[in-house]
């Protein structure tokens, strides 16, 4: 008589468990990679939206300004990190560069009426620059493309340059933009 076997051997159970473990591990690694990629895309989209918001706001402020002044916020700064724009209605808008953000403050009659920040990473070594050769002075700042992607292990990308013309929307009044160092306050400014 042939007896039918109704159970699995230990070797068969271990083999099945090993196969299931391998499949489960592969699925988990795939899900983790997909989640990381999705997070990278989401952060990239958010950074792109922040850069676009910053570009638009800077251009609106610069076009409406009648005077632009670049300053070094700290004595150890190698380039101007503070931009002051005086708008046609005597409102002052200040843009301050930090390592991981750019802050914007709007002042009316000496009081802060609006404060916001943009989660973009400027190139601090470059700071703000002003090109006066053109018919309208051109403000420039460079932004790192690697900001917001959660990883600095990728290739170093060329910074994005953001330009904004000063006084386009204002009647042509010749006011010379200037650069002021922190030691020489607004009283002794040098024209760029």
C-alpha atoms as a PDB file:
ATOM      1  CA  UNK A   1       0.000   0.000   0.000  1.00  0.00           C
ATOM      2  CA  UNK A   2       1.052   3.468  -0.793  1.00  0.00           C
ATOM      3  CA  UNK A   3       0.659   5.915   2.058  1.00  0.00           C
ATOM      4  CA  UNK A   4      -0.101   9.473   0.980  1.00  0.00           C
ATOM      5  CA  UNK A   5       1.889  12.161   2.598  1.00  0.00           C
ATOM      6  CA  UNK A   6      -0.184  15.036   4.090  1.00  0.00           C
ATOM      7  CA  UNK A   7       2.546  17.408   5.373  1.00  0.00           C
ATOM      8  CA  UNK A   8       5.474  19.438   4.037  1.00  0.00           C
ATOM      9  CA  UNK A   9       9.035  18.785   4.986  1.00  0.00           C
ATOM     10  CA  UNK A  10      11.092  21.419   6.765  1.00  0.00           C
ATOM     11  CA  UNK A  11      13.227  21.981   3.668  1.00  0.00           C
ATOM     12  CA  UNK A  12      10.151  22.674   1.547  1.00  0.00           C
ATOM     13  CA  UNK A  13       8.825  25.192   4.109  1.00  0.00           C
ATOM     14  CA  UNK A  14      12.173  26.967   4.321  1.00  0.00           C
ATOM     15  CA  UNK A  15      12.367  27.144   0.525  1.00  0.00           C
ATOM     16  CA  UNK A  16       8.909  28.697   0.264  1.00  0.00           C
ATOM     17  CA  UNK A  17       9.688  31.194   3.069  1.00  0.00           C
ATOM     18  CA  UNK A  18      12.947  32.208   1.338  1.00  0.00           C
ATOM     19  CA  UNK A  19      11.146  32.824  -1.955  1.00  0.00           C
ATOM     20  CA  UNK A  20       8.431  34.885  -0.227  1.00  0.00           C
ATOM     21  CA  UNK A  21      11.081  36.874   1.683  1.00  0.00           C
ATOM     22  CA  UNK A  22      12.923  37.669  -1.544  1.00  0.00           C
ATOM     23  CA  UNK A  23       9.704  38.779  -3.256  1.00  0.00           C
ATOM     24  CA  UNK A  24       8.650  40.851  -0.232  1.00  0.00           C
ATOM     25  CA  UNK A  25      12.095  42.503  -0.035  1.00  0.00           C
ATOM     26  CA  UNK A  26      12.044  43.370  -3.729  1.00  0.00           C
ATOM     27  CA  UNK A  27       8.555  44.865  -3.447  1.00  0.00           C
ATOM     28  CA  UNK A  28       9.562  46.938  -0.397  1.00  0.00           C
ATOM     29  CA  UNK A  29      12.713  48.271  -2.121  1.00  0.00           C
ATOM     30  CA  UNK A  30      10.681  49.160  -5.198  1.00  0.00           C
ATOM     31  CA  UNK A  31       8.083  50.999  -3.102  1.00  0.00           C
ATOM     32  CA  UNK A  32      10.821  52.886  -1.234  1.00  0.00           C
ATOM     33  CA  UNK A  33      12.481  53.925  -4.491  1.00  0.00           C
ATOM     34  CA  UNK A  34       9.138  55.058  -5.922  1.00  0.00           C
ATOM     35  CA  UNK A  35       8.384  57.066  -2.779  1.00  0.00           C
ATOM     36  CA  UNK A  36      11.818  58.722  -2.861  1.00  0.00           C
ATOM     37  CA  UNK A  37      11.398  59.605  -6.540  1.00  0.00           C
ATOM     38  CA  UNK A  38       7.920  60.979  -5.894  1.00  0.00           C
ATOM     39  CA  UNK A  39       9.215  63.083  -2.989  1.00  0.00           C
ATOM     40  CA  UNK A  40      12.028  64.415  -5.209  1.00  0.00           C
ATOM     41  CA  UNK A  41       9.552  65.400  -7.927  1.00  0.00           C
ATOM     42  CA  UNK A  42       7.251  67.053  -5.381  1.00  0.00           C
ATOM     43  CA  UNK A  43      10.118  69.040  -3.855  1.00  0.00           C
ATOM     44  CA  UNK A  44      11.334  69.993  -7.320  1.00  0.00           C
ATOM     45  CA  UNK A  45       7.887  71.268  -8.253  1.00  0.00           C
ATOM     46  CA  UNK A  46       7.629  73.194  -4.967  1.00  0.00           C
ATOM     47  CA  UNK A  47      11.078  74.738  -5.502  1.00  0.00           C
ATOM     48  CA  UNK A  48      10.168  75.661  -9.055  1.00  0.00           C
ATOM     49  CA  UNK A  49       6.971  77.321  -7.813  1.00  0.00           C
ATOM     50  CA  UNK A  50       8.952  79.254  -5.167  1.00  0.00           C
ATOM     51  CA  UNK A  51      11.456  80.416  -7.800  1.00  0.00           C
ATOM     52  CA  UNK A  52       8.668  81.529 -10.100  1.00  0.00           C
ATOM     53  CA  UNK A  53       6.921  83.385  -7.252  1.00  0.00           C
ATOM     54  CA  UNK A  54      10.202  85.100  -6.350  1.00  0.00           C
ATOM     55  CA  UNK A  55      10.932  86.013 -10.004  1.00  0.00           C
ATOM     56  CA  UNK A  56       7.512  87.571 -10.449  1.00  0.00           C
ATOM     57  CA  UNK A  57       7.573  89.537  -7.175  1.00  0.00           C
ATOM     58  CA  UNK A  58      11.108  90.862  -7.743  1.00  0.00           C
ATOM     59  CA  UNK A  59      10.270  92.012 -11.265  1.00  0.00           C
ATOM     60  CA  UNK A  60       7.067  93.731 -10.156  1.00  0.00           C
ATOM     61  CA  UNK A  61       8.901  95.553  -7.351  1.00  0.00           C
ATOM     62  CA  UNK A  62      11.894  96.498  -9.542  1.00  0.00           C
ATOM     63  CA  UNK A  63       9.727  97.761 -12.402  1.00  0.00           C
ATOM     64  CA  UNK A  64       7.774 100.005 -10.019  1.00  0.00           C
ATOM     65  CA  UNK A  65      10.808 101.287  -8.147  1.00  0.00           C
ATOM     66  CA  UNK A  66      12.416 104.642  -8.749  1.00  0.00           C
ATOM     67  CA  UNK A  67      15.612 103.864  -6.852  1.00  0.00           C
ATOM     68  CA  UNK A  68      17.628 100.745  -6.105  1.00  0.00           C
ATOM     69  CA  UNK A  69      20.281 100.515  -3.421  1.00  0.00           C
ATOM     70  CA  UNK A  70      22.589  97.562  -2.764  1.00  0.00           C
ATOM     71  CA  UNK A  71      24.092  97.104   0.698  1.00  0.00           C
ATOM     72  CA  UNK A  72      26.253  94.658   2.574  1.00  0.00           C
ATOM     73  CA  UNK A  73      24.175  93.583   5.580  1.00  0.00           C
ATOM     74  CA  UNK A  74      27.228  92.384   7.555  1.00  0.00           C
ATOM     75  CA  UNK A  75      30.850  93.469   7.502  1.00  0.00           C
ATOM     76  CA  UNK A  76      31.951  89.901   6.651  1.00  0.00           C
ATOM     77  CA  UNK A  77      29.777  89.766   3.507  1.00  0.00           C
ATOM     78  CA  UNK A  78      31.830  89.604   0.316  1.00  0.00           C
ATOM     79  CA  UNK A  79      28.979  90.842  -1.879  1.00  0.00           C
ATOM     80  CA  UNK A  80      25.842  92.946  -1.365  1.00  0.00           C
ATOM     81  CA  UNK A  81      23.192  90.796   0.321  1.00  0.00           C
ATOM     82  CA  UNK A  82      20.586  93.508   0.929  1.00  0.00           C
ATOM     83  CA  UNK A  83      18.551  95.191  -1.796  1.00  0.00           C
ATOM     84  CA  UNK A  84      16.448  98.247  -0.994  1.00  0.00           C
ATOM     85  CA  UNK A  85      13.941  99.411  -3.578  1.00  0.00           C
ATOM     86  CA  UNK A  86      12.135 102.712  -3.174  1.00  0.00           C
ATOM     87  CA  UNK A  87       8.834 102.512  -5.023  1.00  0.00           C
ATOM     88  CA  UNK A  88       7.080 105.430  -6.694  1.00  0.00           C
ATOM     89  CA  UNK A  89       4.649 105.779  -3.746  1.00  0.00           C
ATOM     90  CA  UNK A  90       7.633 106.110  -1.311  1.00  0.00           C
ATOM     91  CA  UNK A  91       7.095 102.576  -0.062  1.00  0.00           C
ATOM     92  CA  UNK A  92      10.393 100.756   0.600  1.00  0.00           C
ATOM     93  CA  UNK A  93      10.869  97.083  -0.216  1.00  0.00           C
ATOM     94  CA  UNK A  94      13.887  95.205   1.172  1.00  0.00           C
ATOM     95  CA  UNK A  95      15.179  91.873  -0.094  1.00  0.00           C
ATOM     96  CA  UNK A  96      17.685  90.114   2.197  1.00  0.00           C
ATOM     97  CA  UNK A  97      19.691  87.111   0.970  1.00  0.00           C
ATOM     98  CA  UNK A  98      20.243  84.228   3.386  1.00  0.00           C
ATOM     99  CA  UNK A  99      21.847  80.853   2.788  1.00  0.00           C
ATOM    100  CA  UNK A 100      18.557  78.956   2.435  1.00  0.00           C
ATOM    101  CA  UNK A 101      15.994  81.667   1.681  1.00  0.00           C
ATOM    102  CA  UNK A 102      15.320  85.213   0.511  1.00  0.00           C
ATOM    103  CA  UNK A 103      13.228  87.447   2.738  1.00  0.00           C
ATOM    104  CA  UNK A 104      11.108  90.338   1.462  1.00  0.00           C
ATOM    105  CA  UNK A 105       9.796  93.133   3.669  1.00  0.00           C
ATOM    106  CA  UNK A 106       7.647  96.029   2.524  1.00  0.00           C
ATOM    107  CA  UNK A 107       7.666  99.221   4.590  1.00  0.00           C
ATOM    108  CA  UNK A 108       5.240 102.149   4.510  1.00  0.00           C
ATOM    109  CA  UNK A 109       5.971 105.163   6.710  1.00  0.00           C
ATOM    110  CA  UNK A 110       8.677 103.146   8.473  1.00  0.00           C
ATOM    111  CA  UNK A 111       6.316 100.322   9.489  1.00  0.00           C
ATOM    112  CA  UNK A 112       6.409  96.779   8.115  1.00  0.00           C
ATOM    113  CA  UNK A 113       3.248  96.247   6.079  1.00  0.00           C
ATOM    114  CA  UNK A 114       4.196  92.927   4.514  1.00  0.00           C
ATOM    115  CA  UNK A 115       6.766  90.228   5.295  1.00  0.00           C
ATOM    116  CA  UNK A 116       7.332  87.021   3.353  1.00  0.00           C
ATOM    117  CA  UNK A 117      10.123  84.654   2.464  1.00  0.00           C
ATOM    118  CA  UNK A 118      10.939  82.552  -0.556  1.00  0.00           C
ATOM    119  CA  UNK A 119      12.399  79.069  -0.073  1.00  0.00           C
ATOM    120  CA  UNK A 120      15.085  79.494  -2.701  1.00  0.00           C
ATOM    121  CA  UNK A 121      18.825  79.316  -2.137  1.00  0.00           C
ATOM    122  CA  UNK A 122      20.801  82.282  -3.476  1.00  0.00           C
ATOM    123  CA  UNK A 123      24.482  82.166  -4.362  1.00  0.00           C
ATOM    124  CA  UNK A 124      25.750  84.321  -1.473  1.00  0.00           C
ATOM    125  CA  UNK A 125      29.229  84.784  -2.959  1.00  0.00           C
ATOM    126  CA  UNK A 126      27.661  86.638  -5.890  1.00  0.00           C
ATOM    127  CA  UNK A 127      25.006  88.568  -3.961  1.00  0.00           C
ATOM    128  CA  UNK A 128      23.028  91.245  -5.751  1.00  0.00           C
ATOM    129  CA  UNK A 129      24.511  92.929  -8.793  1.00  0.00           C
ATOM    130  CA  UNK A 130      23.499  95.987 -10.783  1.00  0.00           C
ATOM    131  CA  UNK A 131      24.273  96.625 -14.447  1.00  0.00           C
ATOM    132  CA  UNK A 132      23.933 100.332 -15.254  1.00  0.00           C
ATOM    133  CA  UNK A 133      25.071 100.159 -18.875  1.00  0.00           C
ATOM    134  CA  UNK A 134      21.567  99.528 -20.168  1.00  0.00           C
ATOM    135  CA  UNK A 135      18.838 102.177 -20.606  1.00  0.00           C
ATOM    136  CA  UNK A 136      17.225 100.815 -17.444  1.00  0.00           C
ATOM    137  CA  UNK A 137      19.469  99.509 -14.645  1.00  0.00           C
ATOM    138  CA  UNK A 138      19.336  95.717 -14.451  1.00  0.00           C
ATOM    139  CA  UNK A 139      19.277  93.978 -11.046  1.00  0.00           C
ATOM    140  CA  UNK A 140      20.570  90.406 -10.934  1.00  0.00           C
ATOM    141  CA  UNK A 141      20.788  87.596  -8.405  1.00  0.00           C
ATOM    142  CA  UNK A 142      21.782  83.969  -8.880  1.00  0.00           C
ATOM    143  CA  UNK A 143      19.867  81.045  -7.368  1.00  0.00           C
ATOM    144  CA  UNK A 144      21.185  77.531  -6.771  1.00  0.00           C
ATOM    145  CA  UNK A 145      19.267  74.870  -8.687  1.00  0.00           C
ATOM    146  CA  UNK A 146      20.062  72.151  -6.119  1.00  0.00           C
ATOM    147  CA  UNK A 147      17.981  73.792  -3.389  1.00  0.00           C
ATOM    148  CA  UNK A 148      14.925  71.896  -2.283  1.00  0.00           C
ATOM    149  CA  UNK A 149      15.682  68.553  -3.887  1.00  0.00           C
ATOM    150  CA  UNK A 150      16.619  66.951  -0.581  1.00  0.00           C
ATOM    151  CA  UNK A 151      19.958  65.675  -1.804  1.00  0.00           C
ATOM    152  CA  UNK A 152      23.282  67.294  -2.568  1.00  0.00           C
ATOM    153  CA  UNK A 153      24.740  64.100  -4.006  1.00  0.00           C
ATOM    154  CA  UNK A 154      23.730  64.876  -7.592  1.00  0.00           C
ATOM    155  CA  UNK A 155      25.747  66.868 -10.093  1.00  0.00           C
ATOM    156  CA  UNK A 156      26.336  70.541  -9.392  1.00  0.00           C
ATOM    157  CA  UNK A 157      24.055  72.527 -11.648  1.00  0.00           C
ATOM    158  CA  UNK A 158      24.717  75.980 -13.055  1.00  0.00           C
ATOM    159  CA  UNK A 159      22.948  78.650 -10.960  1.00  0.00           C
ATOM    160  CA  UNK A 160      19.836  80.305 -12.352  1.00  0.00           C
ATOM    161  CA  UNK A 161      20.213  84.043 -12.952  1.00  0.00           C
ATOM    162  CA  UNK A 162      17.184  86.212 -12.207  1.00  0.00           C
ATOM    163  CA  UNK A 163      17.160  89.676 -13.799  1.00  0.00           C
ATOM    164  CA  UNK A 164      14.798  92.590 -13.204  1.00  0.00           C
ATOM    165  CA  UNK A 165      14.891  96.022 -14.816  1.00  0.00           C
ATOM    166  CA  UNK A 166      14.532  99.033 -12.533  1.00  0.00           C
ATOM    167  CA  UNK A 167      12.209 101.986 -13.268  1.00  0.00           C
ATOM    168  CA  UNK A 168      10.388 100.545 -16.290  1.00  0.00           C
ATOM    169  CA  UNK A 169       6.940 101.437 -14.922  1.00  0.00           C
ATOM    170  CA  UNK A 170       8.073 104.792 -13.451  1.00  0.00           C
ATOM    171  CA  UNK A 171       8.572 108.055 -15.306  1.00  0.00           C
ATOM    172  CA  UNK A 172      12.218 108.381 -16.354  1.00  0.00           C
ATOM    173  CA  UNK A 173      13.783 110.142 -13.391  1.00  0.00           C
ATOM    174  CA  UNK A 174      17.537 109.721 -13.234  1.00  0.00           C
ATOM    175  CA  UNK A 175      18.419 108.416  -9.800  1.00  0.00           C
ATOM    176  CA  UNK A 176      21.701 106.598  -9.546  1.00  0.00           C
ATOM    177  CA  UNK A 177      21.500 103.234  -7.762  1.00  0.00           C
ATOM    178  CA  UNK A 178      24.309 102.769  -5.254  1.00  0.00           C
ATOM    179  CA  UNK A 179      26.168 100.180  -3.218  1.00  0.00           C
ATOM    180  CA  UNK A 180      26.597 100.872   0.489  1.00  0.00           C
ATOM    181  CA  UNK A 181      28.841  98.926   2.830  1.00  0.00           C
ATOM    182  CA  UNK A 182      27.722  98.436   6.464  1.00  0.00           C
ATOM    183  CA  UNK A 183      30.555 100.613   7.782  1.00  0.00           C
ATOM    184  CA  UNK A 184      29.561 103.470   5.486  1.00  0.00           C
ATOM    185  CA  UNK A 185      25.846 103.854   6.039  1.00  0.00           C
ATOM    186  CA  UNK A 186      23.526 105.715   3.683  1.00  0.00           C
ATOM    187  CA  UNK A 187      25.310 108.985   4.496  1.00  0.00           C
ATOM    188  CA  UNK A 188      28.509 107.993   2.675  1.00  0.00           C
ATOM    189  CA  UNK A 189      27.455 105.738  -0.161  1.00  0.00           C
ATOM    190  CA  UNK A 190      29.428 104.959  -3.245  1.00  0.00           C
ATOM    191  CA  UNK A 191      27.826 104.857  -6.642  1.00  0.00           C
ATOM    192  CA  UNK A 192      28.415 101.720  -8.605  1.00  0.00           C
END
